[in-house]
N, C-alpha and C. Protein backbone atom coordinates (compact mmCIF):
# COMPACT_ATOMS: atom_id res chain seq x y z
N MET A 1 -28.80 -73.38 -3.07
CA MET A 1 -29.45 -72.43 -2.07
C MET A 1 -28.90 -71.16 -2.55
N THR A 2 -29.54 -70.04 -2.70
CA THR A 2 -29.03 -68.72 -3.15
C THR A 2 -28.69 -67.89 -1.85
N ILE A 3 -27.95 -67.07 -1.79
CA ILE A 3 -27.68 -66.12 -0.65
C ILE A 3 -28.90 -65.58 -0.05
N THR A 4 -29.71 -65.17 -0.71
CA THR A 4 -30.98 -64.57 -0.39
C THR A 4 -31.90 -65.58 0.27
N GLU A 5 -31.92 -66.78 -0.32
CA GLU A 5 -32.68 -67.84 0.50
C GLU A 5 -31.97 -68.11 1.75
N LEU A 6 -30.75 -68.14 1.95
CA LEU A 6 -30.11 -68.42 3.23
C LEU A 6 -30.36 -67.24 4.13
N ALA A 7 -30.37 -66.03 3.77
CA ALA A 7 -30.66 -64.85 4.45
C ALA A 7 -32.18 -65.04 5.01
N GLN A 8 -32.94 -65.59 4.28
CA GLN A 8 -34.36 -65.90 4.46
C GLN A 8 -34.42 -66.82 5.68
N GLU A 9 -33.62 -67.84 5.63
CA GLU A 9 -33.58 -68.89 6.73
C GLU A 9 -33.26 -68.24 7.79
N TYR A 10 -32.14 -67.48 7.97
CA TYR A 10 -31.58 -66.80 9.13
C TYR A 10 -32.83 -65.89 9.75
N GLU A 11 -33.53 -65.11 8.86
CA GLU A 11 -34.55 -64.31 9.28
C GLU A 11 -35.62 -65.06 9.84
N ASN A 12 -36.03 -66.33 9.46
CA ASN A 12 -36.94 -67.24 9.98
C ASN A 12 -36.58 -67.71 11.26
N GLN A 13 -35.34 -68.06 11.37
CA GLN A 13 -34.92 -68.45 12.67
C GLN A 13 -34.99 -67.31 13.84
N TYR A 14 -34.55 -65.94 13.23
CA TYR A 14 -34.77 -64.99 14.25
C TYR A 14 -36.12 -64.82 14.62
N LYS A 15 -37.17 -65.01 13.68
CA LYS A 15 -38.58 -64.93 14.12
C LYS A 15 -39.08 -66.11 15.11
N ALA A 16 -38.59 -67.29 14.88
CA ALA A 16 -38.75 -68.41 15.84
C ALA A 16 -38.13 -68.07 17.20
N LEU A 17 -37.02 -67.66 17.10
CA LEU A 17 -36.52 -67.46 18.52
C LEU A 17 -37.10 -66.24 19.24
N SER A 18 -37.34 -65.23 18.59
CA SER A 18 -38.26 -64.14 19.19
C SER A 18 -39.48 -64.65 19.68
N THR A 19 -40.14 -65.28 18.92
CA THR A 19 -41.47 -65.80 19.46
C THR A 19 -41.18 -66.76 20.75
N ARG A 20 -40.18 -67.59 20.67
CA ARG A 20 -39.92 -68.37 21.93
C ARG A 20 -39.54 -67.34 23.21
N LEU A 21 -38.78 -66.41 22.81
CA LEU A 21 -38.44 -65.35 23.89
C LEU A 21 -39.56 -64.64 24.60
N ASP A 22 -40.76 -64.43 23.52
CA ASP A 22 -41.84 -63.67 23.98
C ASP A 22 -42.72 -64.64 24.87
N ALA A 23 -42.69 -65.89 24.71
CA ALA A 23 -43.26 -67.11 25.52
C ALA A 23 -42.63 -67.03 26.79
N MET A 24 -41.42 -66.84 26.85
CA MET A 24 -40.62 -67.21 28.17
C MET A 24 -40.50 -65.97 29.17
N LYS A 25 -40.76 -64.74 28.65
CA LYS A 25 -40.69 -63.59 29.48
C LYS A 25 -41.68 -63.42 30.54
N PRO A 26 -43.03 -63.98 30.21
CA PRO A 26 -43.93 -63.94 31.36
C PRO A 26 -43.61 -64.70 32.58
N LEU A 27 -42.66 -65.75 32.39
CA LEU A 27 -42.33 -66.66 33.42
C LEU A 27 -41.32 -65.96 34.32
N LEU A 28 -40.75 -64.86 33.96
CA LEU A 28 -39.85 -64.13 34.85
C LEU A 28 -40.50 -63.76 36.21
N SER A 29 -41.87 -63.36 36.06
CA SER A 29 -42.55 -63.05 37.28
C SER A 29 -43.07 -64.22 38.01
N VAL A 30 -42.89 -65.39 37.54
CA VAL A 30 -43.43 -66.61 38.21
C VAL A 30 -42.46 -67.45 39.03
N TYR A 31 -41.20 -67.66 38.22
CA TYR A 31 -40.18 -68.51 38.61
C TYR A 31 -39.50 -67.79 39.88
N ARG A 32 -38.94 -68.51 40.78
CA ARG A 32 -38.10 -68.03 41.84
C ARG A 32 -36.76 -68.91 42.04
N GLY A 33 -35.76 -68.33 42.78
CA GLY A 33 -34.62 -69.15 43.05
C GLY A 33 -33.62 -69.66 41.85
N GLU A 34 -33.31 -70.83 42.08
CA GLU A 34 -32.45 -71.40 40.85
C GLU A 34 -33.43 -71.57 39.64
N ASP A 35 -34.69 -71.62 39.54
CA ASP A 35 -35.37 -71.69 38.47
C ASP A 35 -35.21 -70.56 37.65
N LEU A 36 -35.42 -69.39 38.54
CA LEU A 36 -35.47 -67.98 37.77
C LEU A 36 -34.10 -67.67 37.26
N VAL A 37 -32.89 -68.26 37.90
CA VAL A 37 -31.51 -68.12 37.46
C VAL A 37 -31.50 -68.79 36.06
N SER A 38 -32.03 -69.93 36.10
CA SER A 38 -31.90 -70.79 34.83
C SER A 38 -32.57 -70.18 33.78
N LEU A 39 -33.87 -69.56 34.14
CA LEU A 39 -34.71 -69.17 33.05
C LEU A 39 -33.82 -67.89 32.32
N ARG A 40 -33.35 -67.12 33.25
CA ARG A 40 -32.61 -65.93 32.76
C ARG A 40 -31.51 -66.32 31.90
N ARG A 41 -30.73 -67.28 32.29
CA ARG A 41 -29.69 -67.77 31.50
C ARG A 41 -30.25 -68.31 30.10
N LYS A 42 -31.37 -68.94 30.08
CA LYS A 42 -31.96 -69.49 28.81
C LYS A 42 -32.37 -68.29 27.94
N ILE A 43 -32.94 -67.33 28.68
CA ILE A 43 -33.43 -66.04 27.92
C ILE A 43 -32.31 -65.44 27.20
N LYS A 44 -31.02 -65.21 27.95
CA LYS A 44 -30.07 -64.58 27.48
C LYS A 44 -29.23 -65.32 26.42
N ILE A 45 -29.24 -66.65 26.41
CA ILE A 45 -28.89 -67.39 25.22
C ILE A 45 -29.62 -67.31 24.15
N TYR A 46 -31.09 -67.34 24.15
CA TYR A 46 -31.80 -67.18 23.05
C TYR A 46 -31.71 -65.91 22.51
N TYR A 47 -31.63 -64.87 23.28
CA TYR A 47 -31.50 -63.42 22.85
C TYR A 47 -30.25 -63.20 21.98
N ASP A 48 -29.10 -63.82 22.60
CA ASP A 48 -28.12 -63.65 21.79
C ASP A 48 -28.07 -64.52 20.47
N MET A 49 -28.61 -65.59 20.38
CA MET A 49 -28.78 -66.35 19.19
C MET A 49 -29.76 -65.61 18.20
N ALA A 50 -30.70 -64.90 18.70
CA ALA A 50 -31.61 -64.23 17.80
C ALA A 50 -30.92 -63.15 17.15
N CYS A 51 -30.14 -62.20 18.00
CA CYS A 51 -29.40 -61.07 17.71
C CYS A 51 -28.47 -61.69 16.57
N GLU A 52 -27.77 -62.82 16.68
CA GLU A 52 -26.88 -63.16 15.80
C GLU A 52 -27.53 -63.61 14.42
N CYS A 53 -28.75 -64.27 14.57
CA CYS A 53 -29.33 -64.54 13.25
C CYS A 53 -29.88 -63.23 12.58
N ARG A 54 -30.26 -62.24 13.28
CA ARG A 54 -30.67 -61.18 12.65
C ARG A 54 -29.67 -60.31 12.06
N ARG A 55 -28.43 -60.34 12.72
CA ARG A 55 -27.14 -59.62 12.15
C ARG A 55 -26.80 -60.37 10.78
N THR A 56 -26.72 -61.64 10.76
CA THR A 56 -26.27 -62.57 9.63
C THR A 56 -27.33 -62.36 8.64
N ALA A 57 -28.64 -62.56 8.90
CA ALA A 57 -29.47 -62.22 7.75
C ALA A 57 -29.38 -60.79 7.14
N SER A 58 -29.19 -59.74 7.88
CA SER A 58 -29.01 -58.39 7.52
C SER A 58 -27.84 -58.55 6.59
N MET A 59 -26.68 -59.00 6.98
CA MET A 59 -25.42 -59.05 6.29
C MET A 59 -25.64 -59.67 4.93
N LEU A 60 -26.29 -60.89 5.01
CA LEU A 60 -26.62 -61.63 3.69
C LEU A 60 -27.59 -60.97 2.79
N PHE A 61 -28.68 -60.33 3.29
CA PHE A 61 -29.49 -59.59 2.40
C PHE A 61 -28.72 -58.59 1.65
N GLY A 62 -27.58 -57.88 2.35
CA GLY A 62 -26.98 -56.72 1.76
C GLY A 62 -25.70 -57.29 1.04
N TYR A 63 -25.29 -58.57 0.71
CA TYR A 63 -24.22 -59.05 0.41
C TYR A 63 -23.89 -58.55 -0.90
N TYR A 64 -24.85 -58.45 -1.96
CA TYR A 64 -24.67 -58.05 -3.22
C TYR A 64 -24.45 -56.57 -3.44
N GLU A 65 -25.19 -55.79 -2.47
CA GLU A 65 -25.10 -54.34 -2.34
C GLU A 65 -23.69 -53.78 -2.12
N GLU A 66 -23.10 -54.70 -1.10
CA GLU A 66 -21.57 -54.44 -0.83
C GLU A 66 -20.75 -54.54 -1.89
N ASP A 67 -20.95 -55.63 -2.71
CA ASP A 67 -20.06 -55.75 -3.92
C ASP A 67 -20.27 -54.58 -4.95
N VAL A 68 -21.46 -54.03 -5.12
CA VAL A 68 -21.71 -52.93 -6.06
C VAL A 68 -21.08 -51.74 -5.60
N ASN A 69 -21.12 -51.64 -4.11
CA ASN A 69 -20.37 -50.48 -3.69
C ASN A 69 -18.95 -50.57 -3.70
N ASN A 70 -18.41 -51.72 -3.54
CA ASN A 70 -17.03 -51.80 -3.44
C ASN A 70 -16.43 -51.74 -4.88
N ASP A 71 -17.20 -52.16 -6.00
CA ASP A 71 -16.77 -52.19 -7.25
C ASP A 71 -16.44 -50.60 -7.86
N ARG A 72 -17.35 -49.65 -7.19
CA ARG A 72 -17.11 -48.29 -7.56
C ARG A 72 -15.63 -47.91 -7.35
N PHE A 73 -14.97 -48.46 -6.48
CA PHE A 73 -13.55 -47.94 -6.21
C PHE A 73 -12.39 -48.61 -6.88
N TYR A 74 -12.78 -49.44 -7.70
CA TYR A 74 -11.74 -50.14 -8.60
C TYR A 74 -11.77 -49.50 -10.02
């Protein structure tokens, strides 16, 4: 697997998590009490995971660009 393919996998996971988040958000107005607390906790976890996938994908997509930029200084 190449770095670009790995980056694409992270991007795909980001999209899947974002889709799941979009499906969960309408439930915020329906749930109450402990169910609402649990839902908010799950949304926070999925949000954090999605952000991390997006950051990792971005870093991997730019991996070779950083090498080119760093080579300039040697």
